[in-house]
């Protein structure tokens, strides 16, 4: 049904700063500014594609959240990754940390999604570089990340509700995990439903497991849907 995968990679050119013209020579020099902290925060691949990732792939017929169309005809598949950086970092990242003690700048996150046509959706999460032994909560949220932790909005819900009883792993996508001795963690969630058009935009890491908790970090993710 699917003939292939179209992959995209974001390529960030080296940053340079032009110096002022000197009075003696009248020549314009170029000074390359080496920003070690920015490189650490985003990785060699830039804001997307850190750690050798490809920044996300979409199968033909699939549609990314926020894009045009009415959904994928043959399902949807995506994988994207980034390294966390604080808000206002010189080189911005799709992954923002609000607590560098529990989610250090330079730590890594990867999120993948596979949705079948009119069928189930599986979301997978992997992280490295976090605080060993800490129990993290993680959920899919409705909006992309911002400098304000609240920018991601609330949890994505299959059945939107204001009833606290509907904040549960069956109605939402929960990806709680405990970082191992090396600061690594992983989680996976499967549901018999797809995301709605443009209504899932990020994964938020929380300070504790369960349905709530302080927002430690956020990763903007191009979630998609399948008709």
N, C-alpha and C. Protein backbone atom coordinates (compact mmCIF):
# COMPACT_ATOMS: atom_id res chain seq x y z
N UNK A 1 0.82 -1.21 0.00
CA UNK A 1 0.00 0.00 0.00
C UNK A 1 0.86 1.26 0.00
N UNK A 2 1.96 1.20 0.76
CA UNK A 2 2.84 2.37 0.82
C UNK A 2 4.09 2.09 0.03
N UNK A 3 4.37 2.92 -0.95
CA UNK A 3 5.49 2.67 -1.85
C UNK A 3 6.81 3.11 -1.29
N UNK A 4 6.82 3.98 -0.31
CA UNK A 4 8.10 4.44 0.22
C UNK A 4 7.89 5.48 1.29
N UNK A 5 8.98 6.04 1.81
CA UNK A 5 8.93 7.04 2.86
C UNK A 5 9.69 8.26 2.39
N UNK A 6 9.07 9.41 2.52
CA UNK A 6 9.73 10.67 2.17
C UNK A 6 10.34 11.23 3.43
N UNK A 7 11.62 11.44 3.45
CA UNK A 7 12.31 11.92 4.65
C UNK A 7 12.82 13.32 4.44
N UNK A 8 12.81 14.12 5.51
CA UNK A 8 13.34 15.48 5.44
C UNK A 8 14.34 15.72 6.52
N UNK A 9 15.37 16.51 6.27
CA UNK A 9 16.38 16.82 7.26
C UNK A 9 16.62 18.32 7.28
N UNK A 10 16.54 18.88 8.47
CA UNK A 10 16.82 20.30 8.59
C UNK A 10 18.32 20.52 8.68
N UNK A 11 18.86 21.37 7.86
CA UNK A 11 20.29 21.63 7.83
C UNK A 11 20.53 23.06 8.27
N UNK A 12 21.31 23.23 9.32
CA UNK A 12 21.59 24.56 9.85
C UNK A 12 23.00 24.96 9.46
N UNK A 13 23.14 26.08 8.74
CA UNK A 13 24.44 26.54 8.31
C UNK A 13 25.21 27.15 9.47
N UNK A 14 26.56 27.10 9.44
CA UNK A 14 27.35 27.73 10.50
C UNK A 14 27.00 29.21 10.59
N UNK A 15 26.93 29.71 11.83
CA UNK A 15 26.59 31.12 12.02
C UNK A 15 27.86 31.96 11.99
N UNK A 16 27.78 33.11 11.34
CA UNK A 16 28.90 34.03 11.29
C UNK A 16 28.42 35.41 11.67
N UNK A 17 29.34 36.23 12.12
CA UNK A 17 29.03 37.62 12.47
C UNK A 17 29.97 38.53 11.71
N UNK A 18 29.41 39.53 11.00
CA UNK A 18 30.23 40.47 10.26
C UNK A 18 30.80 41.51 11.21
N UNK A 19 32.13 41.75 11.07
CA UNK A 19 32.77 42.77 11.89
C UNK A 19 32.62 44.13 11.21
N UNK A 20 32.88 45.21 11.98
CA UNK A 20 32.82 46.55 11.41
C UNK A 20 33.99 46.78 10.46
N UNK A 21 33.84 47.70 9.48
CA UNK A 21 34.90 48.03 8.54
C UNK A 21 36.01 48.78 9.27
N UNK A 22 37.27 48.38 9.06
CA UNK A 22 38.39 49.02 9.75
C UNK A 22 38.82 50.28 9.00
N UNK A 23 39.33 51.26 9.73
CA UNK A 23 39.74 52.54 9.12
C UNK A 23 40.98 52.38 8.27
N UNK A 24 41.89 51.46 8.65
CA UNK A 24 43.17 51.36 7.94
C UNK A 24 43.03 50.61 6.62
N UNK A 25 42.35 49.51 6.63
CA UNK A 25 42.34 48.67 5.44
C UNK A 25 41.07 48.83 4.62
N UNK A 26 39.97 49.23 5.28
CA UNK A 26 38.70 49.36 4.56
C UNK A 26 38.13 48.03 4.15
N UNK A 27 38.68 46.94 4.69
CA UNK A 27 38.21 45.61 4.32
C UNK A 27 37.20 45.13 5.35
N UNK A 28 36.28 44.28 4.89
CA UNK A 28 35.27 43.72 5.78
C UNK A 28 35.72 42.32 6.16
N UNK A 29 35.82 42.06 7.44
CA UNK A 29 36.23 40.74 7.92
C UNK A 29 35.03 39.95 8.40
N UNK A 30 35.21 38.67 8.46
CA UNK A 30 34.18 37.78 8.97
C UNK A 30 34.72 37.07 10.20
N UNK A 31 33.98 37.13 11.27
CA UNK A 31 34.39 36.44 12.49
C UNK A 31 33.38 35.36 12.80
N UNK A 32 33.83 34.14 12.92
CA UNK A 32 32.95 33.03 13.24
C UNK A 32 32.84 32.93 14.75
N UNK A 33 31.64 33.02 15.25
CA UNK A 33 31.42 32.96 16.68
C UNK A 33 31.12 31.52 17.07
N UNK A 34 31.95 30.99 17.91
CA UNK A 34 31.77 29.62 18.37
C UNK A 34 30.93 29.64 19.63
N UNK A 35 29.75 29.07 19.57
CA UNK A 35 28.84 29.09 20.71
C UNK A 35 28.71 27.67 21.25
N UNK A 36 29.56 27.33 22.20
CA UNK A 36 29.59 25.96 22.71
C UNK A 36 28.27 25.60 23.38
N UNK A 37 27.68 26.54 24.11
CA UNK A 37 26.44 26.23 24.81
C UNK A 37 25.32 25.95 23.83
N UNK A 38 25.28 26.69 22.72
CA UNK A 38 24.24 26.46 21.73
C UNK A 38 24.43 25.12 21.05
N UNK A 39 25.68 24.77 20.76
CA UNK A 39 25.94 23.48 20.13
C UNK A 39 25.53 22.35 21.05
N UNK A 40 25.79 22.51 22.35
CA UNK A 40 25.40 21.49 23.30
C UNK A 40 23.89 21.35 23.34
N UNK A 41 23.21 22.49 23.30
CA UNK A 41 21.76 22.47 23.46
C UNK A 41 21.07 21.83 22.28
N UNK A 42 21.57 22.02 21.06
CA UNK A 42 20.85 21.54 19.88
C UNK A 42 21.50 20.33 19.23
N UNK A 43 22.75 20.04 19.53
CA UNK A 43 23.41 18.91 18.91
C UNK A 43 23.89 19.24 17.52
N UNK A 44 24.67 18.33 16.94
CA UNK A 44 25.29 18.60 15.64
C UNK A 44 24.26 18.77 14.55
N UNK A 45 23.09 18.18 14.73
CA UNK A 45 22.08 18.25 13.68
C UNK A 45 21.19 19.46 13.77
N UNK A 46 21.40 20.36 14.69
CA UNK A 46 20.55 21.52 14.83
C UNK A 46 19.32 21.21 15.66
N UNK A 47 18.32 22.07 15.56
CA UNK A 47 17.14 21.93 16.39
C UNK A 47 16.43 20.61 16.13
N UNK A 48 16.39 20.16 14.88
CA UNK A 48 15.85 18.86 14.55
C UNK A 48 17.00 18.01 14.03
N UNK A 49 16.85 16.70 14.17
CA UNK A 49 17.87 15.80 13.65
C UNK A 49 19.05 15.63 14.57
N UNK A 50 18.96 16.00 15.84
CA UNK A 50 20.05 15.80 16.77
C UNK A 50 20.29 14.32 16.95
N UNK A 51 21.53 13.97 17.28
CA UNK A 51 21.92 12.59 17.51
C UNK A 51 21.74 11.73 16.27
N UNK A 52 21.87 12.35 15.12
CA UNK A 52 21.77 11.60 13.88
C UNK A 52 20.36 11.34 13.41
N UNK A 53 19.36 11.91 14.11
CA UNK A 53 17.98 11.69 13.71
C UNK A 53 17.67 12.40 12.40
N UNK A 54 16.54 12.03 11.82
CA UNK A 54 16.21 12.59 10.51
C UNK A 54 15.17 13.70 10.60
N UNK A 55 14.79 14.08 11.83
CA UNK A 55 13.84 15.19 11.95
C UNK A 55 12.43 14.83 11.57
N UNK A 56 12.16 13.54 11.33
CA UNK A 56 10.79 13.12 11.05
C UNK A 56 10.62 12.61 9.64
N UNK A 57 9.86 11.54 9.47
CA UNK A 57 9.54 11.03 8.14
C UNK A 57 8.03 10.83 8.07
N UNK A 58 7.47 11.07 6.90
CA UNK A 58 6.04 10.94 6.71
C UNK A 58 5.78 10.02 5.54
N UNK A 59 4.97 8.98 5.76
CA UNK A 59 4.64 8.08 4.67
C UNK A 59 3.70 8.77 3.69
N UNK A 60 3.82 8.46 2.40
CA UNK A 60 2.89 9.03 1.42
C UNK A 60 1.44 8.77 1.84
N UNK A 61 0.62 9.81 1.76
CA UNK A 61 -0.78 9.68 2.17
C UNK A 61 -1.01 10.14 3.58
N UNK A 62 0.04 10.21 4.40
CA UNK A 62 -0.10 10.68 5.77
C UNK A 62 -0.10 12.20 5.80
N UNK A 63 -0.63 12.76 6.87
CA UNK A 63 -0.70 14.21 6.99
C UNK A 63 -0.26 14.63 8.38
N UNK A 64 0.61 15.63 8.45
CA UNK A 64 1.10 16.12 9.74
C UNK A 64 0.11 17.10 10.33
N UNK A 65 0.01 17.07 11.66
CA UNK A 65 -0.88 18.00 12.35
C UNK A 65 -0.48 19.43 12.03
N UNK A 66 -1.47 20.26 11.77
CA UNK A 66 -1.20 21.65 11.43
C UNK A 66 -1.04 21.86 9.95
N UNK A 67 -0.95 20.78 9.15
CA UNK A 67 -0.79 20.92 7.71
C UNK A 67 -2.13 20.89 7.01
N UNK A 68 -2.07 20.88 5.68
CA UNK A 68 -3.32 20.86 4.93
C UNK A 68 -3.82 19.45 4.73
N UNK A 69 -4.95 19.29 4.08
CA UNK A 69 -5.50 17.98 3.79
C UNK A 69 -6.49 17.54 4.85
N UNK A 70 -7.00 16.34 4.66
CA UNK A 70 -8.02 15.82 5.56
C UNK A 70 -7.55 14.57 6.28
N UNK A 71 -6.28 14.23 6.18
CA UNK A 71 -5.79 13.04 6.87
C UNK A 71 -5.21 12.05 5.88
N UNK A 72 -4.48 11.10 6.43
CA UNK A 72 -3.77 10.15 5.59
C UNK A 72 -4.68 9.09 5.02
N UNK A 73 -4.45 8.76 3.76
CA UNK A 73 -5.24 7.73 3.10
C UNK A 73 -4.73 6.35 3.43
N UNK A 74 -3.43 6.23 3.67
CA UNK A 74 -2.83 4.93 3.93
C UNK A 74 -2.14 4.90 5.28
N UNK A 75 -2.53 5.71 6.19
CA UNK A 75 -1.92 5.75 7.50
C UNK A 75 -0.85 6.83 7.58
N UNK A 76 -0.19 6.89 8.73
CA UNK A 76 0.79 7.94 8.99
C UNK A 76 1.90 7.38 9.85
N UNK A 77 3.15 7.78 9.50
CA UNK A 77 4.31 7.35 10.28
C UNK A 77 5.26 8.52 10.41
N UNK A 78 5.78 8.75 11.61
CA UNK A 78 6.63 9.90 11.87
C UNK A 78 7.60 9.57 12.99
N UNK A 79 8.80 10.14 12.87
CA UNK A 79 9.78 10.08 13.97
C UNK A 79 10.58 11.37 13.95
N UNK A 80 10.72 12.01 15.10
CA UNK A 80 11.45 13.27 15.18
C UNK A 80 12.20 13.34 16.50
N UNK A 81 13.31 14.06 16.54
CA UNK A 81 14.11 14.13 17.76
C UNK A 81 14.77 15.50 17.86
N UNK A 82 15.25 15.84 19.04
CA UNK A 82 15.92 17.12 19.28
C UNK A 82 16.64 17.07 20.61
N UNK A 83 17.51 18.05 20.82
CA UNK A 83 18.16 18.21 22.12
C UNK A 83 17.56 19.42 22.83
N UNK A 84 17.35 19.28 24.12
CA UNK A 84 16.71 20.33 24.90
C UNK A 84 17.60 21.57 25.03
N UNK A 85 16.97 22.72 24.96
CA UNK A 85 17.63 24.02 25.16
C UNK A 85 16.70 24.89 25.98
N UNK A 86 17.23 25.82 26.76
CA UNK A 86 16.37 26.70 27.55
C UNK A 86 15.66 27.71 26.66
N UNK A 87 14.56 28.29 27.14
CA UNK A 87 13.88 29.35 26.36
C UNK A 87 14.85 30.49 26.07
N UNK A 88 14.79 31.03 24.87
CA UNK A 88 15.65 32.13 24.50
C UNK A 88 17.05 31.74 24.11
N UNK A 89 17.33 30.43 23.93
CA UNK A 89 18.65 30.00 23.49
C UNK A 89 18.99 30.62 22.15
N UNK A 90 20.29 30.93 21.92
CA UNK A 90 20.71 31.58 20.67
C UNK A 90 20.31 30.74 19.46
N UNK A 91 20.50 29.43 19.57
CA UNK A 91 20.04 28.52 18.52
C UNK A 91 18.79 27.82 19.08
N UNK A 92 17.60 28.21 18.65
CA UNK A 92 16.38 27.65 19.23
C UNK A 92 16.21 26.17 18.89
N UNK A 93 15.52 25.48 19.75
CA UNK A 93 15.26 24.05 19.56
C UNK A 93 13.78 23.78 19.67
N UNK A 94 13.33 22.71 19.04
CA UNK A 94 11.95 22.28 19.18
C UNK A 94 11.69 21.71 20.56
N UNK A 95 12.77 21.40 21.30
CA UNK A 95 12.67 20.86 22.66
C UNK A 95 13.14 21.92 23.65
N UNK A 96 12.25 22.32 24.56
CA UNK A 96 12.52 23.41 25.50
C UNK A 96 12.52 22.87 26.92
N UNK A 97 13.58 23.16 27.68
CA UNK A 97 13.62 22.77 29.09
C UNK A 97 13.31 23.97 29.98
N UNK A 98 12.46 23.75 30.98
CA UNK A 98 12.13 24.77 31.95
C UNK A 98 12.78 24.49 33.31
N UNK A 99 13.41 23.32 33.44
CA UNK A 99 14.07 22.91 34.69
C UNK A 99 15.34 22.16 34.32
N UNK A 100 16.48 22.86 34.31
CA UNK A 100 17.71 22.24 33.85
C UNK A 100 18.34 21.31 34.87
N UNK A 101 17.76 21.22 36.05
CA UNK A 101 18.24 20.22 37.02
C UNK A 101 17.71 18.84 36.65
N UNK A 102 16.45 18.77 36.26
CA UNK A 102 15.83 17.49 35.91
C UNK A 102 15.86 17.19 34.41
N UNK A 103 15.91 18.25 33.60
CA UNK A 103 16.03 18.09 32.14
C UNK A 103 17.15 19.02 31.67
N UNK A 104 18.41 18.57 31.76
CA UNK A 104 19.54 19.46 31.43
C UNK A 104 19.56 19.87 29.96
N UNK A 105 20.10 21.05 29.70
CA UNK A 105 20.34 21.46 28.32
C UNK A 105 21.27 20.45 27.67
N UNK A 106 20.94 20.02 26.49
CA UNK A 106 21.73 19.01 25.79
C UNK A 106 21.17 17.61 25.93
N UNK A 107 20.25 17.37 26.87
CA UNK A 107 19.61 16.06 26.94
C UNK A 107 18.74 15.87 25.70
N UNK A 108 18.43 14.64 25.39
CA UNK A 108 17.87 14.29 24.07
C UNK A 108 16.51 13.64 24.20
N UNK A 109 15.64 13.90 23.23
CA UNK A 109 14.32 13.27 23.19
C UNK A 109 13.98 12.86 21.77
N UNK A 110 13.30 11.74 21.63
CA UNK A 110 12.79 11.28 20.35
C UNK A 110 11.35 10.81 20.54
N UNK A 111 10.50 11.20 19.61
CA UNK A 111 9.10 10.78 19.64
C UNK A 111 8.73 10.22 18.27
N UNK A 112 8.04 9.10 18.27
CA UNK A 112 7.58 8.50 17.03
C UNK A 112 6.09 8.21 17.09
N UNK A 113 5.46 8.20 15.95
CA UNK A 113 4.03 7.90 15.85
C UNK A 113 3.79 6.99 14.66
N UNK A 114 2.91 6.03 14.83
CA UNK A 114 2.43 5.22 13.70
C UNK A 114 0.94 5.05 13.85
N UNK A 115 0.20 5.51 12.85
CA UNK A 115 -1.26 5.41 12.86
C UNK A 115 -1.71 4.63 11.64
N UNK A 116 -2.51 3.62 11.86
CA UNK A 116 -3.05 2.84 10.77
C UNK A 116 -4.29 3.50 10.20
N UNK A 117 -4.58 3.20 8.94
CA UNK A 117 -5.78 3.75 8.31
C UNK A 117 -7.02 3.28 9.06
N UNK A 118 -7.79 4.23 9.58
CA UNK A 118 -9.02 3.94 10.35
C UNK A 118 -8.73 2.99 11.50
N UNK A 119 -7.52 3.03 12.06
CA UNK A 119 -7.16 2.07 13.09
C UNK A 119 -6.39 2.66 14.24
N UNK A 120 -5.52 1.85 14.81
CA UNK A 120 -4.83 2.19 16.04
C UNK A 120 -3.69 3.18 15.82
N UNK A 121 -3.34 3.88 16.89
CA UNK A 121 -2.21 4.79 16.91
C UNK A 121 -1.25 4.37 18.03
N UNK A 122 0.03 4.29 17.70
CA UNK A 122 1.06 4.00 18.69
C UNK A 122 2.01 5.18 18.74
N UNK A 123 2.30 5.67 19.95
CA UNK A 123 3.26 6.75 20.16
C UNK A 123 4.38 6.22 21.03
N UNK A 124 5.63 6.44 20.61
CA UNK A 124 6.79 5.98 21.35
C UNK A 124 7.67 7.15 21.75
N UNK A 125 8.30 7.03 22.91
CA UNK A 125 9.16 8.08 23.46
C UNK A 125 10.48 7.48 23.90
N UNK A 126 11.58 8.17 23.60
CA UNK A 126 12.90 7.82 24.13
C UNK A 126 13.60 9.08 24.59
N UNK A 127 14.34 9.00 25.69
CA UNK A 127 15.08 10.15 26.20
C UNK A 127 16.45 9.69 26.71
N UNK A 128 17.41 10.60 26.69
CA UNK A 128 18.72 10.36 27.30
C UNK A 128 19.18 11.64 27.99
N UNK A 129 20.07 11.50 28.96
CA UNK A 129 20.67 12.65 29.61
C UNK A 129 19.86 13.25 30.74
N UNK A 130 18.83 12.55 31.22
CA UNK A 130 18.01 13.08 32.31
C UNK A 130 18.55 12.64 33.67
N UNK A 131 17.88 13.03 34.75
CA UNK A 131 18.35 12.71 36.10
C UNK A 131 18.08 11.24 36.41
N UNK A 132 19.12 10.51 36.72
CA UNK A 132 19.00 9.07 36.99
C UNK A 132 18.04 8.82 38.15
N UNK A 133 17.15 7.85 37.97
CA UNK A 133 16.24 7.43 39.01
C UNK A 133 14.98 8.26 39.16
N UNK A 134 14.89 9.39 38.46
CA UNK A 134 13.70 10.24 38.63
C UNK A 134 12.52 9.65 37.86
N UNK A 135 11.34 9.75 38.46
CA UNK A 135 10.11 9.27 37.83
C UNK A 135 9.43 10.43 37.11
N UNK A 136 9.43 10.38 35.81
CA UNK A 136 8.88 11.46 34.99
C UNK A 136 7.49 11.11 34.48
N UNK A 137 6.62 12.10 34.48
CA UNK A 137 5.36 11.97 33.77
C UNK A 137 5.53 12.53 32.37
N UNK A 138 4.75 12.06 31.43
CA UNK A 138 4.83 12.56 30.05
C UNK A 138 3.48 12.35 29.38
N UNK A 139 3.01 13.38 28.69
CA UNK A 139 1.72 13.29 28.00
C UNK A 139 1.80 14.03 26.68
N UNK A 140 0.95 13.64 25.74
CA UNK A 140 0.75 14.41 24.52
C UNK A 140 -0.15 15.60 24.86
N UNK A 141 0.28 16.81 24.47
CA UNK A 141 -0.50 18.02 24.72
C UNK A 141 -1.03 18.58 23.41
N UNK A 142 -1.94 19.55 23.51
CA UNK A 142 -2.69 20.00 22.34
C UNK A 142 -1.95 20.99 21.45
N UNK A 143 -1.01 21.75 22.00
CA UNK A 143 -0.39 22.82 21.24
C UNK A 143 1.14 22.70 21.25
N UNK A 144 1.83 23.40 20.35
CA UNK A 144 3.30 23.40 20.36
C UNK A 144 3.84 24.10 21.60
N UNK A 145 5.12 23.91 21.86
CA UNK A 145 5.79 24.49 23.02
C UNK A 145 6.04 25.98 22.83
N UNK A 146 6.30 26.65 23.95
CA UNK A 146 6.68 28.05 23.93
C UNK A 146 7.58 28.34 25.11
N UNK A 147 7.99 29.60 25.24
CA UNK A 147 8.83 29.99 26.36
C UNK A 147 8.10 29.83 27.68
N UNK A 148 6.78 30.00 27.66
CA UNK A 148 5.94 29.79 28.83
C UNK A 148 5.51 28.32 28.85
N UNK A 149 5.72 27.62 29.96
CA UNK A 149 5.32 26.20 30.01
C UNK A 149 3.85 25.98 29.69
N UNK A 150 3.01 26.99 29.95
CA UNK A 150 1.57 26.84 29.70
C UNK A 150 1.22 26.89 28.23
N UNK A 151 2.18 27.25 27.36
CA UNK A 151 1.88 27.43 25.94
C UNK A 151 1.37 26.16 25.27
N UNK A 152 1.76 24.99 25.80
CA UNK A 152 1.38 23.72 25.18
C UNK A 152 -0.08 23.35 25.42
N UNK A 153 -0.79 24.13 26.22
CA UNK A 153 -2.19 23.83 26.47
C UNK A 153 -2.36 22.59 27.32
N UNK A 154 -3.57 22.06 27.30
CA UNK A 154 -3.87 20.87 28.10
C UNK A 154 -3.55 19.57 27.39
N UNK A 155 -3.86 18.46 28.05
CA UNK A 155 -3.65 17.15 27.46
C UNK A 155 -4.55 16.95 26.24
N UNK A 156 -4.02 16.25 25.24
CA UNK A 156 -4.89 15.81 24.16
C UNK A 156 -5.82 14.74 24.72
N UNK A 157 -7.11 14.85 24.42
CA UNK A 157 -8.08 13.86 24.87
C UNK A 157 -8.88 13.33 23.69
N UNK A 158 -9.04 12.02 23.65
CA UNK A 158 -9.85 11.40 22.60
C UNK A 158 -11.29 11.85 22.71
N UNK A 159 -11.80 11.90 23.93
CA UNK A 159 -13.13 12.43 24.20
C UNK A 159 -12.95 13.69 25.06
N UNK A 160 -12.93 14.86 24.44
CA UNK A 160 -12.71 16.09 25.21
C UNK A 160 -13.71 16.21 26.36
N UNK A 161 -13.18 16.55 27.53
CA UNK A 161 -14.03 16.57 28.71
C UNK A 161 -13.44 17.49 29.77
N UNK A 162 -14.30 18.03 30.61
CA UNK A 162 -13.87 18.81 31.77
C UNK A 162 -13.99 17.99 33.05
N UNK A 163 -14.41 16.74 32.92
CA UNK A 163 -14.55 15.86 34.07
C UNK A 163 -13.18 15.30 34.45
N UNK A 164 -12.71 15.53 35.68
CA UNK A 164 -11.39 15.02 36.10
C UNK A 164 -11.27 13.51 35.93
N UNK A 165 -12.37 12.79 35.94
CA UNK A 165 -12.32 11.34 35.77
C UNK A 165 -11.86 10.93 34.38
N UNK A 166 -11.96 11.85 33.42
CA UNK A 166 -11.55 11.55 32.05
C UNK A 166 -10.07 11.85 31.80
N UNK A 167 -9.37 12.32 32.83
CA UNK A 167 -7.92 12.48 32.75
C UNK A 167 -7.32 11.13 33.12
N UNK A 168 -7.14 10.29 32.13
CA UNK A 168 -6.67 8.92 32.36
C UNK A 168 -5.95 8.41 31.12
N UNK A 169 -5.15 7.35 31.25
CA UNK A 169 -4.35 6.86 30.11
C UNK A 169 -5.16 6.22 28.99
N UNK A 170 -6.45 5.97 29.20
CA UNK A 170 -7.28 5.44 28.12
C UNK A 170 -7.80 6.56 27.22
N UNK A 171 -8.08 7.70 27.82
CA UNK A 171 -8.62 8.84 27.06
C UNK A 171 -7.52 9.78 26.59
N UNK A 172 -6.31 9.62 27.10
CA UNK A 172 -5.18 10.47 26.76
C UNK A 172 -3.97 9.61 26.40
N UNK A 173 -2.90 10.25 25.98
CA UNK A 173 -1.67 9.52 25.66
C UNK A 173 -0.66 9.80 26.77
N UNK A 174 -0.46 8.81 27.63
CA UNK A 174 0.48 8.90 28.74
C UNK A 174 1.74 8.11 28.40
N UNK A 175 2.90 8.72 28.68
CA UNK A 175 4.19 8.10 28.35
C UNK A 175 5.13 8.20 29.55
N UNK A 176 4.61 7.92 30.75
CA UNK A 176 5.42 8.00 31.96
C UNK A 176 6.59 7.01 31.91
N UNK A 177 7.71 7.40 32.51
CA UNK A 177 8.89 6.54 32.54
C UNK A 177 9.76 6.92 33.73
N UNK A 178 10.68 6.03 34.09
CA UNK A 178 11.68 6.29 35.12
C UNK A 178 13.06 6.23 34.49
N UNK A 179 13.85 7.28 34.63
CA UNK A 179 15.19 7.31 34.04
C UNK A 179 16.08 6.29 34.74
N UNK A 180 16.83 5.53 33.97
CA UNK A 180 17.71 4.52 34.56
C UNK A 180 19.00 5.16 35.07
N UNK A 181 19.96 4.32 35.46
CA UNK A 181 21.20 4.82 36.06
C UNK A 181 22.00 5.69 35.10
N UNK A 182 21.75 5.56 33.81
CA UNK A 182 22.44 6.36 32.80
C UNK A 182 21.61 7.57 32.35
N UNK A 183 20.46 7.77 32.99
CA UNK A 183 19.60 8.89 32.61
C UNK A 183 18.78 8.64 31.38
N UNK A 184 18.62 7.38 31.00
CA UNK A 184 17.85 7.02 29.81
C UNK A 184 16.47 6.52 30.20
N UNK A 185 15.51 6.69 29.31
CA UNK A 185 14.16 6.20 29.56
C UNK A 185 13.41 5.99 28.26
N UNK A 186 12.33 5.22 28.33
CA UNK A 186 11.53 4.94 27.14
C UNK A 186 10.11 4.59 27.58
N UNK A 187 9.17 4.84 26.69
CA UNK A 187 7.77 4.51 26.96
C UNK A 187 7.03 4.38 25.64
N UNK A 188 5.90 3.69 25.69
CA UNK A 188 5.08 3.50 24.50
C UNK A 188 3.61 3.44 24.92
N UNK A 189 2.74 3.99 24.09
CA UNK A 189 1.30 3.95 24.36
C UNK A 189 0.56 3.62 23.07
N UNK A 190 -0.42 2.74 23.15
CA UNK A 190 -1.20 2.34 21.98
C UNK A 190 -2.68 2.55 22.26
N UNK A 191 -3.38 3.12 21.28
CA UNK A 191 -4.82 3.36 21.40
C UNK A 191 -5.50 2.94 20.10
N UNK A 192 -6.77 2.60 20.20
CA UNK A 192 -7.54 2.20 19.03
C UNK A 192 -8.21 3.39 18.37
N UNK A 193 -7.56 4.56 18.44
CA UNK A 193 -8.08 5.77 17.81
C UNK A 193 -6.92 6.61 17.28
N UNK A 194 -7.25 7.53 16.38
CA UNK A 194 -6.27 8.44 15.79
C UNK A 194 -6.44 9.84 16.38
N UNK A 195 -5.41 10.66 16.21
CA UNK A 195 -5.52 12.06 16.58
C UNK A 195 -6.46 12.78 15.62
N UNK A 196 -7.11 13.79 16.13
CA UNK A 196 -7.93 14.66 15.27
C UNK A 196 -7.03 15.68 14.58
N UNK A 197 -7.52 16.20 13.46
CA UNK A 197 -6.77 17.15 12.65
C UNK A 197 -6.28 18.34 13.47
N UNK A 198 -4.96 18.52 13.55
CA UNK A 198 -4.36 19.69 14.17
C UNK A 198 -4.54 19.85 15.65
N UNK A 199 -4.95 18.80 16.37
CA UNK A 199 -5.26 18.97 17.80
C UNK A 199 -4.22 18.36 18.74
N UNK A 200 -3.13 17.84 18.21
CA UNK A 200 -2.04 17.33 19.06
C UNK A 200 -0.75 18.00 18.59
N UNK A 201 -0.01 18.66 19.52
CA UNK A 201 1.12 19.46 19.07
C UNK A 201 2.43 19.28 19.80
N UNK A 202 2.45 18.52 20.91
CA UNK A 202 3.69 18.42 21.67
C UNK A 202 3.63 17.26 22.66
N UNK A 203 4.81 16.96 23.22
CA UNK A 203 4.93 16.07 24.37
C UNK A 203 5.54 16.87 25.50
N UNK A 204 4.89 16.86 26.66
CA UNK A 204 5.37 17.60 27.83
C UNK A 204 5.86 16.61 28.88
N UNK A 205 7.05 16.87 29.43
CA UNK A 205 7.58 16.08 30.54
C UNK A 205 7.20 16.77 31.84
N UNK A 206 6.70 15.98 32.78
CA UNK A 206 6.25 16.50 34.06
C UNK A 206 7.14 16.00 35.20
N UNK A 207 7.07 16.70 36.34
CA UNK A 207 7.91 16.37 37.47
C UNK A 207 7.52 15.12 38.22
N UNK A 208 6.32 14.61 37.96
CA UNK A 208 5.86 13.39 38.61
C UNK A 208 4.96 12.62 37.66
N UNK A 209 4.78 11.34 37.94
CA UNK A 209 3.96 10.51 37.09
C UNK A 209 2.49 10.66 37.45
N UNK A 210 1.61 10.31 36.50
CA UNK A 210 0.18 10.45 36.71
C UNK A 210 -0.41 11.52 35.82
N UNK A 211 -1.56 12.04 36.21
CA UNK A 211 -2.30 12.94 35.34
C UNK A 211 -1.93 14.40 35.43
N UNK A 212 -0.98 14.77 36.29
CA UNK A 212 -0.62 16.18 36.42
C UNK A 212 0.83 16.28 36.86
N UNK A 213 1.23 17.47 37.30
CA UNK A 213 2.60 17.68 37.74
C UNK A 213 3.21 18.91 37.10
N UNK A 214 4.27 19.43 37.71
CA UNK A 214 4.97 20.59 37.19
C UNK A 214 5.52 20.28 35.80
N UNK A 215 5.43 21.24 34.90
CA UNK A 215 5.94 21.05 33.54
C UNK A 215 7.45 21.33 33.52
N UNK A 216 8.23 20.29 33.29
CA UNK A 216 9.68 20.41 33.29
C UNK A 216 10.24 20.77 31.93
N UNK A 217 9.62 20.27 30.88
CA UNK A 217 10.14 20.45 29.52
C UNK A 217 9.04 20.16 28.52
N UNK A 218 9.28 20.58 27.28
CA UNK A 218 8.27 20.41 26.22
C UNK A 218 8.97 20.19 24.89
N UNK A 219 8.41 19.31 24.05
CA UNK A 219 8.95 19.02 22.73
C UNK A 219 7.82 19.15 21.71
N UNK A 220 7.94 20.11 20.78
CA UNK A 220 6.96 20.27 19.71
C UNK A 220 7.10 19.13 18.71
N UNK A 221 6.00 18.46 18.42
CA UNK A 221 6.02 17.24 17.60
C UNK A 221 4.99 17.36 16.47
N UNK A 222 5.36 17.02 15.23
CA UNK A 222 4.41 17.07 14.11
C UNK A 222 3.50 15.85 14.06
N UNK A 223 2.65 15.71 15.07
CA UNK A 223 1.72 14.58 15.08
C UNK A 223 0.79 14.68 13.87
N UNK A 224 0.40 13.52 13.37
CA UNK A 224 -0.48 13.48 12.21
C UNK A 224 -1.71 12.65 12.49
N UNK A 225 -2.52 12.45 11.48
CA UNK A 225 -3.76 11.70 11.62
C UNK A 225 -3.96 10.88 10.37
N UNK A 226 -4.81 9.88 10.47
CA UNK A 226 -5.09 9.03 9.31
C UNK A 226 -6.60 8.88 9.19
N UNK A 227 -7.10 8.99 7.96
CA UNK A 227 -8.54 8.93 7.73
C UNK A 227 -9.05 7.51 7.92
